[in-house]
Amino acid sequence: MSTAQQIITVAAVVAATVLTRALPFIIFPEGRKPPKFISWLAGVLPFAVIGMLVVYCLRSAVFSDLHALPELMAIAFTAGLHLWRKNTLLSIAGGTVFYMFLVQQVF
């Protein structure tokens, strides 16, 4: 890519990011209540995304002869950590570190 193409690409990415971040505030300014469907989506989408990420991460795991043991242990660790501390960032980071430890040092 030429320098001009790189600048255009970065500008397009920046514009898309700013637009997606600002659009909800433009559509629903302070004092205007969002429709019930939007409020419902705000409640269910985080759980749906996490479920989809779990399925995506386990798509290539082999569940025969306990080859998926590190993945299952990391999922249990992440769930336990989240139930204990109720901190999403800590749960994700802790589960990732635990999984990487298992894969690189144990299995």
N, C-alpha and C. Protein backbone atom coordinates (compact mmCIF):
# COMPACT_ATOMS: atom_id res chain seq x y z
N MET A 1 0.84 -1.19 0.00
CA MET A 1 0.00 0.00 0.00
C MET A 1 0.88 1.24 0.00
N SER A 2 0.43 2.22 -0.73
CA SER A 2 1.15 3.48 -0.74
C SER A 2 0.83 4.26 0.54
N THR A 3 1.57 5.31 0.75
CA THR A 3 1.34 6.13 1.93
C THR A 3 -0.06 6.75 1.91
N ALA A 4 -0.49 7.19 0.75
CA ALA A 4 -1.82 7.78 0.64
C ALA A 4 -2.90 6.74 0.96
N GLN A 5 -2.73 5.53 0.48
CA GLN A 5 -3.70 4.47 0.77
C GLN A 5 -3.73 4.13 2.25
N GLN A 6 -2.57 4.13 2.88
CA GLN A 6 -2.50 3.86 4.32
C GLN A 6 -3.22 4.96 5.10
N ILE A 7 -3.02 6.21 4.72
CA ILE A 7 -3.68 7.32 5.40
C ILE A 7 -5.19 7.23 5.22
N ILE A 8 -5.64 6.92 4.02
CA ILE A 8 -7.07 6.78 3.76
C ILE A 8 -7.66 5.63 4.57
N THR A 9 -6.94 4.53 4.65
CA THR A 9 -7.41 3.38 5.42
C THR A 9 -7.54 3.73 6.90
N VAL A 10 -6.52 4.36 7.46
CA VAL A 10 -6.56 4.74 8.87
C VAL A 10 -7.68 5.75 9.11
N ALA A 11 -7.85 6.69 8.21
CA ALA A 11 -8.93 7.68 8.36
C ALA A 11 -10.30 7.01 8.31
N ALA A 12 -10.47 6.04 7.43
CA ALA A 12 -11.75 5.33 7.34
C ALA A 12 -12.03 4.54 8.62
N VAL A 13 -11.01 3.91 9.17
CA VAL A 13 -11.18 3.16 10.41
C VAL A 13 -11.51 4.10 11.56
N VAL A 14 -10.83 5.22 11.64
CA VAL A 14 -11.10 6.21 12.69
C VAL A 14 -12.52 6.74 12.56
N ALA A 15 -12.94 7.08 11.35
CA ALA A 15 -14.29 7.60 11.13
C ALA A 15 -15.35 6.58 11.51
N ALA A 16 -15.14 5.32 11.13
CA ALA A 16 -16.11 4.28 11.46
C ALA A 16 -16.18 4.07 12.97
N THR A 17 -15.04 4.11 13.64
CA THR A 17 -15.02 3.92 15.09
C THR A 17 -15.73 5.08 15.80
N VAL A 18 -15.43 6.29 15.40
CA VAL A 18 -16.08 7.46 16.02
C VAL A 18 -17.58 7.43 15.76
N LEU A 19 -17.97 7.07 14.55
CA LEU A 19 -19.39 7.02 14.21
C LEU A 19 -20.13 5.98 15.05
N THR A 20 -19.56 4.79 15.19
CA THR A 20 -20.24 3.75 15.97
C THR A 20 -20.28 4.10 17.46
N ARG A 21 -19.30 4.83 17.95
CA ARG A 21 -19.32 5.24 19.36
C ARG A 21 -20.27 6.40 19.60
N ALA A 22 -20.39 7.31 18.65
CA ALA A 22 -21.20 8.51 18.84
C ALA A 22 -22.65 8.33 18.42
N LEU A 23 -22.92 7.40 17.53
CA LEU A 23 -24.27 7.23 16.98
C LEU A 23 -25.35 7.02 18.04
N PRO A 24 -25.14 6.19 19.06
CA PRO A 24 -26.19 6.05 20.08
C PRO A 24 -26.51 7.36 20.80
N PHE A 25 -25.50 8.19 21.02
CA PHE A 25 -25.73 9.46 21.70
C PHE A 25 -26.42 10.47 20.78
N ILE A 26 -26.22 10.32 19.48
CA ILE A 26 -26.89 11.19 18.52
C ILE A 26 -28.35 10.78 18.37
N ILE A 27 -28.59 9.47 18.26
CA ILE A 27 -29.95 8.97 18.07
C ILE A 27 -30.79 9.12 19.34
N PHE A 28 -30.18 8.84 20.50
CA PHE A 28 -30.90 8.90 21.77
C PHE A 28 -30.23 9.92 22.69
N PRO A 29 -30.47 11.21 22.47
CA PRO A 29 -29.86 12.21 23.35
C PRO A 29 -30.43 12.11 24.76
N GLU A 30 -29.76 12.80 25.69
CA GLU A 30 -30.19 12.76 27.08
C GLU A 30 -31.63 13.27 27.18
N GLY A 31 -32.43 12.52 27.91
CA GLY A 31 -33.82 12.89 28.07
C GLY A 31 -34.76 12.13 27.15
N ARG A 32 -34.22 11.53 26.10
CA ARG A 32 -35.05 10.74 25.18
C ARG A 32 -34.86 9.26 25.50
N LYS A 33 -35.94 8.59 25.81
CA LYS A 33 -35.87 7.20 26.21
C LYS A 33 -35.80 6.30 24.97
N PRO A 34 -34.86 5.33 24.95
CA PRO A 34 -34.78 4.43 23.80
C PRO A 34 -35.98 3.48 23.77
N PRO A 35 -36.30 2.94 22.61
CA PRO A 35 -37.41 1.99 22.52
C PRO A 35 -37.16 0.75 23.39
N LYS A 36 -38.23 0.05 23.73
CA LYS A 36 -38.11 -1.13 24.58
C LYS A 36 -37.22 -2.20 23.95
N PHE A 37 -37.28 -2.33 22.62
CA PHE A 37 -36.47 -3.33 21.94
C PHE A 37 -34.98 -3.05 22.13
N ILE A 38 -34.59 -1.79 22.04
CA ILE A 38 -33.18 -1.41 22.24
C ILE A 38 -32.76 -1.70 23.67
N SER A 39 -33.61 -1.39 24.63
CA SER A 39 -33.31 -1.68 26.04
C SER A 39 -33.19 -3.19 26.26
N TRP A 40 -34.06 -3.96 25.61
CA TRP A 40 -33.98 -5.42 25.72
C TRP A 40 -32.67 -5.93 25.14
N LEU A 41 -32.28 -5.41 23.97
CA LEU A 41 -31.01 -5.81 23.35
C LEU A 41 -29.83 -5.50 24.27
N ALA A 42 -29.88 -4.35 24.93
CA ALA A 42 -28.79 -3.97 25.83
C ALA A 42 -28.67 -4.96 26.98
N GLY A 43 -29.77 -5.60 27.35
CA GLY A 43 -29.73 -6.57 28.44
C GLY A 43 -29.28 -7.96 28.02
N VAL A 44 -29.58 -8.35 26.78
CA VAL A 44 -29.28 -9.73 26.37
C VAL A 44 -28.04 -9.88 25.51
N LEU A 45 -27.62 -8.83 24.80
CA LEU A 45 -26.48 -8.97 23.90
C LEU A 45 -25.17 -9.33 24.59
N PRO A 46 -24.84 -8.77 25.75
CA PRO A 46 -23.58 -9.17 26.38
C PRO A 46 -23.50 -10.68 26.64
N PHE A 47 -24.59 -11.29 27.09
CA PHE A 47 -24.59 -12.72 27.34
C PHE A 47 -24.50 -13.51 26.04
N ALA A 48 -25.18 -13.02 25.01
CA ALA A 48 -25.14 -13.69 23.71
C ALA A 48 -23.73 -13.64 23.12
N VAL A 49 -23.07 -12.52 23.26
CA VAL A 49 -21.71 -12.38 22.73
C VAL A 49 -20.75 -13.31 23.46
N ILE A 50 -20.85 -13.37 24.78
CA ILE A 50 -19.97 -14.26 25.54
C ILE A 50 -20.23 -15.71 25.15
N GLY A 51 -21.50 -16.10 25.01
CA GLY A 51 -21.82 -17.46 24.58
C GLY A 51 -21.25 -17.77 23.21
N MET A 52 -21.35 -16.81 22.30
CA MET A 52 -20.82 -17.01 20.95
C MET A 52 -19.29 -17.12 20.99
N LEU A 53 -18.64 -16.33 21.83
CA LEU A 53 -17.19 -16.42 21.95
C LEU A 53 -16.74 -17.77 22.50
N VAL A 54 -17.49 -18.31 23.47
CA VAL A 54 -17.15 -19.63 24.01
C VAL A 54 -17.27 -20.69 22.93
N VAL A 55 -18.35 -20.65 22.18
CA VAL A 55 -18.53 -21.62 21.09
C VAL A 55 -17.42 -21.45 20.05
N TYR A 56 -17.10 -20.23 19.70
CA TYR A 56 -16.05 -19.96 18.71
C TYR A 56 -14.69 -20.48 19.20
N CYS A 57 -14.40 -20.27 20.47
CA CYS A 57 -13.11 -20.71 21.00
C CYS A 57 -13.01 -22.23 21.08
N LEU A 58 -14.13 -22.89 21.27
CA LEU A 58 -14.11 -24.35 21.40
C LEU A 58 -14.38 -25.07 20.08
N ARG A 59 -14.50 -24.35 18.98
CA ARG A 59 -14.86 -24.96 17.71
C ARG A 59 -13.85 -25.98 17.23
N SER A 60 -12.59 -25.80 17.53
CA SER A 60 -11.58 -26.73 17.04
C SER A 60 -11.03 -27.63 18.14
N ALA A 61 -11.62 -27.58 19.32
CA ALA A 61 -11.17 -28.45 20.41
C ALA A 61 -11.62 -29.89 20.15
N VAL A 62 -10.73 -30.82 20.43
CA VAL A 62 -11.04 -32.23 20.24
C VAL A 62 -11.46 -32.78 21.60
N PHE A 63 -12.70 -33.27 21.70
CA PHE A 63 -13.24 -33.71 22.98
C PHE A 63 -13.13 -35.22 23.18
N SER A 64 -12.20 -35.86 22.47
CA SER A 64 -11.99 -37.29 22.69
C SER A 64 -10.65 -37.48 23.39
N ASP A 65 -10.56 -38.47 24.23
CA ASP A 65 -9.33 -38.79 24.97
C ASP A 65 -8.82 -37.61 25.80
N LEU A 66 -9.71 -36.78 26.29
CA LEU A 66 -9.39 -35.65 27.18
C LEU A 66 -8.43 -34.64 26.55
N HIS A 67 -8.45 -34.50 25.22
CA HIS A 67 -7.60 -33.50 24.58
C HIS A 67 -8.07 -32.08 24.86
N ALA A 68 -9.32 -31.92 25.24
CA ALA A 68 -9.87 -30.60 25.51
C ALA A 68 -9.79 -30.26 27.00
N LEU A 69 -9.02 -31.00 27.75
CA LEU A 69 -8.94 -30.77 29.19
C LEU A 69 -8.46 -29.36 29.54
N PRO A 70 -7.43 -28.81 28.88
CA PRO A 70 -7.03 -27.44 29.23
C PRO A 70 -8.15 -26.42 28.99
N GLU A 71 -8.88 -26.58 27.89
CA GLU A 71 -9.98 -25.66 27.59
C GLU A 71 -11.06 -25.76 28.66
N LEU A 72 -11.43 -26.97 29.02
CA LEU A 72 -12.48 -27.15 30.02
C LEU A 72 -12.04 -26.65 31.40
N MET A 73 -10.78 -26.89 31.74
CA MET A 73 -10.26 -26.39 33.01
C MET A 73 -10.25 -24.86 33.03
N ALA A 74 -9.86 -24.25 31.90
CA ALA A 74 -9.82 -22.79 31.83
C ALA A 74 -11.23 -22.20 31.90
N ILE A 75 -12.21 -22.87 31.27
CA ILE A 75 -13.59 -22.38 31.37
C ILE A 75 -14.08 -22.46 32.81
N ALA A 76 -13.81 -23.57 33.47
CA ALA A 76 -14.23 -23.71 34.87
C ALA A 76 -13.53 -22.67 35.75
N PHE A 77 -12.24 -22.45 35.51
CA PHE A 77 -11.49 -21.45 36.29
C PHE A 77 -12.07 -20.06 36.07
N THR A 78 -12.35 -19.71 34.81
CA THR A 78 -12.90 -18.40 34.49
C THR A 78 -14.27 -18.20 35.13
N ALA A 79 -15.12 -19.22 35.04
CA ALA A 79 -16.46 -19.13 35.64
C ALA A 79 -16.36 -18.99 37.16
N GLY A 80 -15.49 -19.79 37.77
CA GLY A 80 -15.32 -19.70 39.23
C GLY A 80 -14.77 -18.35 39.66
N LEU A 81 -13.79 -17.85 38.92
CA LEU A 81 -13.22 -16.54 39.23
C LEU A 81 -14.27 -15.44 39.11
N HIS A 82 -15.11 -15.55 38.08
CA HIS A 82 -16.14 -14.53 37.90
C HIS A 82 -17.21 -14.61 39.00
N LEU A 83 -17.60 -15.82 39.37
CA LEU A 83 -18.58 -15.97 40.45
C LEU A 83 -18.03 -15.46 41.78
N TRP A 84 -16.72 -15.62 41.96
CA TRP A 84 -16.09 -15.20 43.21
C TRP A 84 -15.90 -13.68 43.26
N ARG A 85 -15.35 -13.08 42.20
CA ARG A 85 -14.99 -11.66 42.24
C ARG A 85 -15.97 -10.73 41.52
N LYS A 86 -16.82 -11.25 40.65
CA LYS A 86 -17.79 -10.45 39.89
C LYS A 86 -17.12 -9.32 39.11
N ASN A 87 -15.96 -9.61 38.52
CA ASN A 87 -15.20 -8.62 37.76
C ASN A 87 -14.90 -9.22 36.38
N THR A 88 -15.53 -8.69 35.36
CA THR A 88 -15.41 -9.26 34.02
C THR A 88 -13.98 -9.21 33.51
N LEU A 89 -13.32 -8.06 33.66
CA LEU A 89 -11.95 -7.92 33.16
C LEU A 89 -11.02 -8.90 33.87
N LEU A 90 -11.15 -9.02 35.17
CA LEU A 90 -10.34 -9.97 35.93
C LEU A 90 -10.62 -11.41 35.49
N SER A 91 -11.87 -11.72 35.24
CA SER A 91 -12.23 -13.07 34.82
C SER A 91 -11.63 -13.42 33.47
N ILE A 92 -11.73 -12.50 32.53
CA ILE A 92 -11.18 -12.74 31.19
C ILE A 92 -9.66 -12.85 31.24
N ALA A 93 -9.02 -11.91 31.91
CA ALA A 93 -7.55 -11.93 31.99
C ALA A 93 -7.07 -13.14 32.77
N GLY A 94 -7.71 -13.44 33.89
CA GLY A 94 -7.30 -14.59 34.69
C GLY A 94 -7.48 -15.90 33.95
N GLY A 95 -8.61 -16.05 33.25
CA GLY A 95 -8.85 -17.26 32.48
C GLY A 95 -7.85 -17.42 31.35
N THR A 96 -7.51 -16.32 30.70
CA THR A 96 -6.53 -16.36 29.61
C THR A 96 -5.16 -16.76 30.13
N VAL A 97 -4.73 -16.14 31.22
CA VAL A 97 -3.42 -16.47 31.80
C VAL A 97 -3.39 -17.93 32.26
N PHE A 98 -4.46 -18.38 32.90
CA PHE A 98 -4.53 -19.77 33.35
C PHE A 98 -4.47 -20.74 32.18
N TYR A 99 -5.21 -20.44 31.10
CA TYR A 99 -5.19 -21.31 29.93
C TYR A 99 -3.81 -21.35 29.29
N MET A 100 -3.18 -20.19 29.15
CA MET A 100 -1.84 -20.15 28.55
C MET A 100 -0.84 -20.90 29.42
N PHE A 101 -0.96 -20.80 30.73
CA PHE A 101 -0.10 -21.57 31.62
C PHE A 101 -0.29 -23.06 31.41
N LEU A 102 -1.55 -23.49 31.34
CA LEU A 102 -1.84 -24.91 31.14
C LEU A 102 -1.26 -25.42 29.81
N VAL A 103 -1.47 -24.67 28.77
CA VAL A 103 -1.04 -25.11 27.44
C VAL A 103 0.49 -25.11 27.32
N GLN A 104 1.15 -24.13 27.91
CA GLN A 104 2.59 -24.01 27.72
C GLN A 104 3.41 -24.77 28.77
N GLN A 105 2.87 -24.98 29.96
CA GLN A 105 3.67 -25.59 31.01
C GLN A 105 3.19 -26.98 31.45
N VAL A 106 1.90 -27.23 31.34
CA VAL A 106 1.36 -28.48 31.88
C VAL A 106 1.11 -29.51 30.78
N PHE A 107 0.41 -29.11 29.72
CA PHE A 107 0.03 -30.06 28.68
C PHE A 107 0.95 -30.01 27.50
